[in-house]
Every structure is written in structure tokens, then in C-alpha cells.
Amino acid sequence: MIFDYLSAVDSAVFLRINHDLVNPVFDVIFPALRELTYVFWFLMILYFWRKNEKKMALLLTVSIAAGALFTYPLKLLIDRARPYETIESARLLTPAEFDPSFPSGHVEMSFLASIVISRFHPEYAKYLYAFSFIVALSRIYVGVHFPGDVLGGIVVGVIIGKAMILVAKRKKDIFWD
């Protein structure tokens, strides 16, 4: 009963974002974030590498990989259908995705990376979290995730990000001087 209610709320909020926020700027920018999210975080790794913060670049790389190694099996275990597969009126603005919907991998990666970088560079936090929020909103807007998938991605990303910071503290010889 509670699951049915939460599912109905998830679908209703999805439709509000997917249908009611429609504008030409989002229609161009948000679909592009499908690939640009990966590019952005790769460029952040390169930025730290070039800035001679190689251990930060390594920590970010290992953290993103750890997040993916946890998130994708979780997706397969939960096996939630994507909104465009269950809601006939869903607007799909990107190519269909072939993995399950929950949790959002883009959102997990963005919040995980924001947590890790912000721990050591708090001056970047507001920009990284703003970017991560835009990524989260975009995933609903383009029709590939329910809001619950996005919230799940945030939770998983924060947990793994904080766990990676704990690992880095224990492995100081590897991740920083």
C-alpha cells in the first residue's frame, strides 16, 4: 500500500518536471548532459592532475570507479523500469537507455565526486553541487529517471563518497602526502 502511494507520487512528480518545465533552453542543454556529465568529471580529474594534485586525481578516479562498481549491480538487482517504459506520455529527449532505472548512475557519480572534491577543496563545493543538482534535474526532465531514482543516486553517491574519504584517510600514503 505504501509502495503504491510512493510510486504514484514518484510518477506525478516525474510528469510535473517532464511536462511542466518544458522550455527550449532545457531541451538543448539537458539532453547534452547525458555525455557532458562524464566529460565534466573526466576534465576535473585532468584538472587536478595538471594542477599537480595527482593524489586528488587518483582519489577521484578510484572513487568514481568504486561508485560504478556498486551502482550498476544495484541497478540490476532492483531492476526498475524507466519512466518512458511505464508512462505513455513521458517525453524522451535522449536515446533510450538499456540498463534499469534505479538508482541514477549520472547522479550517483556527480554527488560522489562533489563530496570527494569538496572535502579537500571546499571553495569548489557550491559550484560542484549546483552542477550535480542540474544533472539530477536533467535526468528527470529528459525522461530517463523518476525522482526516486535521482534521490537514490544522491544517497548512494553521498554514502560512497564519504566511504572513499574514510578509505583515503586510512591510506594516506597512497592518496596524499
Protein backbone atom coordinates (compact mmCIF):
# COMPACT_ATOMS: atom_id res chain seq x y z
CA MET A 1 0.00 0.00 0.00
CA ILE A 2 2.74 2.48 0.96
CA PHE A 3 4.75 1.36 -2.09
CA ASP A 4 1.77 2.11 -4.37
CA TYR A 5 1.44 5.58 -2.83
CA LEU A 6 5.16 6.34 -3.22
CA SER A 7 5.08 5.08 -6.80
CA ALA A 8 2.11 7.34 -7.58
CA VAL A 9 3.89 10.36 -6.05
CA ASP A 10 7.06 9.49 -7.98
CA SER A 11 5.10 9.34 -11.25
CA ALA A 12 3.23 12.57 -10.52
CA VAL A 13 6.41 14.49 -9.72
CA PHE A 14 8.07 12.98 -12.79
CA LEU A 15 5.24 14.27 -15.00
CA ARG A 16 5.40 17.74 -13.43
CA ILE A 17 9.09 18.02 -14.25
CA ASN A 18 8.99 16.16 -17.57
CA HIS A 19 5.97 18.07 -18.90
CA ASP A 20 5.55 21.34 -16.99
CA LEU A 21 9.12 22.67 -17.03
CA VAL A 22 9.38 22.41 -20.81
CA ASN A 23 11.39 25.21 -22.41
CA PRO A 24 13.72 25.43 -25.41
CA VAL A 25 16.87 26.07 -23.35
CA PHE A 26 16.39 22.93 -21.23
CA ASP A 27 15.52 21.00 -24.40
CA VAL A 28 19.03 21.71 -25.70
CA ILE A 29 21.17 21.71 -22.54
CA PHE A 30 19.65 18.84 -20.55
CA PRO A 31 19.94 16.13 -23.24
CA ALA A 32 23.58 17.15 -23.77
CA LEU A 33 24.31 16.44 -20.11
CA ARG A 34 23.95 12.73 -20.82
CA GLU A 35 27.51 12.75 -22.20
CA LEU A 36 28.77 16.04 -20.79
CA THR A 37 28.44 14.77 -17.21
CA TYR A 38 31.12 12.17 -17.91
CA VAL A 39 33.23 14.73 -19.77
CA PHE A 40 32.96 17.21 -16.88
CA TRP A 41 34.19 14.74 -14.25
CA PHE A 42 36.96 13.49 -16.55
CA LEU A 43 38.08 17.10 -17.02
CA MET A 44 38.07 17.54 -13.24
CA ILE A 45 40.40 14.55 -12.94
CA LEU A 46 42.67 16.08 -15.59
CA TYR A 47 42.47 19.47 -13.85
CA PHE A 48 43.78 18.03 -10.59
CA TRP A 49 46.42 16.02 -12.44
CA ARG A 50 47.68 19.10 -14.28
CA LYS A 51 47.49 21.18 -11.11
CA ASN A 52 49.97 18.67 -9.68
CA GLU A 53 47.40 17.22 -7.28
CA LYS A 54 47.91 13.73 -8.63
CA LYS A 55 46.71 12.06 -5.45
CA MET A 56 43.45 14.03 -5.65
CA ALA A 57 43.10 12.93 -9.28
CA LEU A 58 43.75 9.33 -8.23
CA LEU A 59 41.24 9.51 -5.36
CA LEU A 60 38.60 10.95 -7.67
CA THR A 61 39.24 8.28 -10.31
CA VAL A 62 39.14 5.43 -7.79
CA SER A 63 36.01 6.89 -6.16
CA ILE A 64 34.13 7.17 -9.46
CA ALA A 65 35.13 3.61 -10.37
CA ALA A 66 34.03 2.33 -6.94
CA GLY A 67 30.71 4.11 -7.37
CA ALA A 68 30.13 2.47 -10.74
CA LEU A 69 31.12 -0.96 -9.40
CA PHE A 70 28.48 -0.60 -6.69
CA THR A 71 25.73 1.21 -8.61
CA TYR A 72 25.44 -0.93 -11.73
CA PRO A 73 24.97 -4.25 -9.92
CA LEU A 74 22.47 -2.46 -7.66
CA LYS A 75 20.56 -1.35 -10.77
CA LEU A 76 20.41 -4.94 -11.99
CA LEU A 77 19.33 -6.21 -8.57
CA ILE A 78 16.48 -3.69 -8.22
CA ASP A 79 15.60 -3.78 -11.94
CA ARG A 80 13.24 -0.79 -12.01
CA ALA A 81 11.71 0.15 -15.35
CA ARG A 82 12.45 3.58 -16.79
CA PRO A 83 9.67 6.19 -16.91
CA TYR A 84 9.32 6.07 -20.69
CA GLU A 85 8.69 2.33 -20.38
CA THR A 86 5.81 2.74 -17.93
CA ILE A 87 4.31 6.19 -18.62
CA GLU A 88 2.89 6.51 -22.10
CA SER A 89 3.02 10.33 -22.13
CA ALA A 90 6.66 10.58 -20.97
CA ARG A 91 8.78 12.88 -23.12
CA LEU A 92 12.04 11.11 -24.01
CA LEU A 93 14.66 13.60 -25.20
CA THR A 94 17.67 11.28 -25.34
CA PRO A 95 18.17 7.83 -26.81
CA ALA A 96 16.60 5.09 -24.72
CA GLU A 97 18.85 3.60 -22.07
CA PHE A 98 19.14 -0.14 -21.69
CA ASP A 99 20.05 -0.55 -18.05
CA PRO A 100 17.49 -0.36 -15.25
CA SER A 101 16.48 2.98 -13.78
CA PHE A 102 17.23 2.86 -10.05
CA PRO A 103 19.50 4.47 -8.91
CA SER A 104 20.62 7.12 -11.38
CA GLY A 105 24.26 6.49 -12.24
CA HIS A 106 24.82 10.05 -13.52
CA VAL A 107 23.51 11.49 -10.25
CA GLU A 108 25.41 8.98 -8.10
CA MET A 109 28.66 9.87 -9.86
CA SER A 110 28.05 13.61 -9.66
CA PHE A 111 27.24 13.69 -5.96
CA LEU A 112 30.02 11.21 -5.13
CA ALA A 113 32.59 13.34 -6.98
CA SER A 114 31.22 16.54 -5.40
CA ILE A 115 31.56 15.02 -1.91
CA VAL A 116 35.14 13.89 -2.52
CA ILE A 117 36.38 17.11 -4.12
CA SER A 118 34.56 19.37 -1.66
CA ARG A 119 36.19 17.58 1.28
CA PHE A 120 39.61 18.76 0.12
CA HIS A 121 38.57 21.86 -1.84
CA PRO A 122 35.58 23.41 -0.06
CA GLU A 123 35.90 26.50 -2.23
CA TYR A 124 34.54 24.45 -5.17
CA ALA A 125 31.60 22.96 -3.26
CA LYS A 126 28.81 25.32 -4.28
CA TYR A 127 29.70 25.01 -7.97
CA LEU A 128 30.02 21.24 -7.89
CA TYR A 129 26.75 20.75 -6.01
CA ALA A 130 24.98 23.19 -8.35
CA PHE A 131 26.23 21.17 -11.32
CA SER A 132 25.16 17.93 -9.62
CA PHE A 133 21.69 19.33 -8.94
CA ILE A 134 21.35 20.34 -12.60
CA VAL A 135 22.41 16.84 -13.65
CA ALA A 136 19.79 15.38 -11.28
CA LEU A 137 17.03 17.61 -12.64
CA SER A 138 18.08 16.89 -16.22
CA ARG A 139 17.72 13.13 -15.79
CA ILE A 140 14.04 13.56 -14.90
CA TYR A 141 13.44 16.30 -17.46
CA VAL A 142 14.77 14.21 -20.38
CA GLY A 143 12.54 11.29 -19.35
CA VAL A 144 15.06 8.65 -18.29
CA HIS A 145 14.61 8.69 -14.49
CA PHE A 146 11.93 9.03 -11.87
CA PRO A 147 12.59 11.45 -8.99
CA GLY A 148 13.04 8.43 -6.70
CA ASP A 149 15.87 7.20 -8.96
CA VAL A 150 17.55 10.57 -8.63
CA LEU A 151 17.14 10.61 -4.84
CA GLY A 152 18.56 7.09 -4.74
CA GLY A 153 21.53 8.26 -6.81
CA ILE A 154 22.13 11.13 -4.39
CA VAL A 155 22.03 8.82 -1.36
CA VAL A 156 24.30 6.20 -2.94
CA GLY A 157 26.71 8.89 -4.17
CA VAL A 158 26.94 10.56 -0.77
CA ILE A 159 27.47 7.25 1.05
CA ILE A 160 30.15 6.03 -1.35
CA GLY A 161 31.80 9.47 -1.45
CA LYS A 162 32.04 9.59 2.34
CA ALA A 163 33.27 5.99 2.43
CA MET A 164 36.00 6.82 -0.07
CA ILE A 165 37.11 9.75 2.08
CA LEU A 166 37.42 7.34 5.03
CA VAL A 167 39.45 4.94 2.87
CA ALA A 168 41.68 7.82 1.78
CA LYS A 169 42.30 8.83 5.39
CA ARG A 170 43.39 5.29 6.19
CA LYS A 171 45.57 5.05 3.09
CA LYS A 172 47.29 8.43 3.43
CA ASP A 173 50.44 7.13 1.80
CA ILE A 174 48.50 6.44 -1.40
CA PHE A 175 46.08 9.36 -1.62
CA TRP A 176 48.04 12.29 -0.19
CA ASP A 177 51.29 13.36 1.43
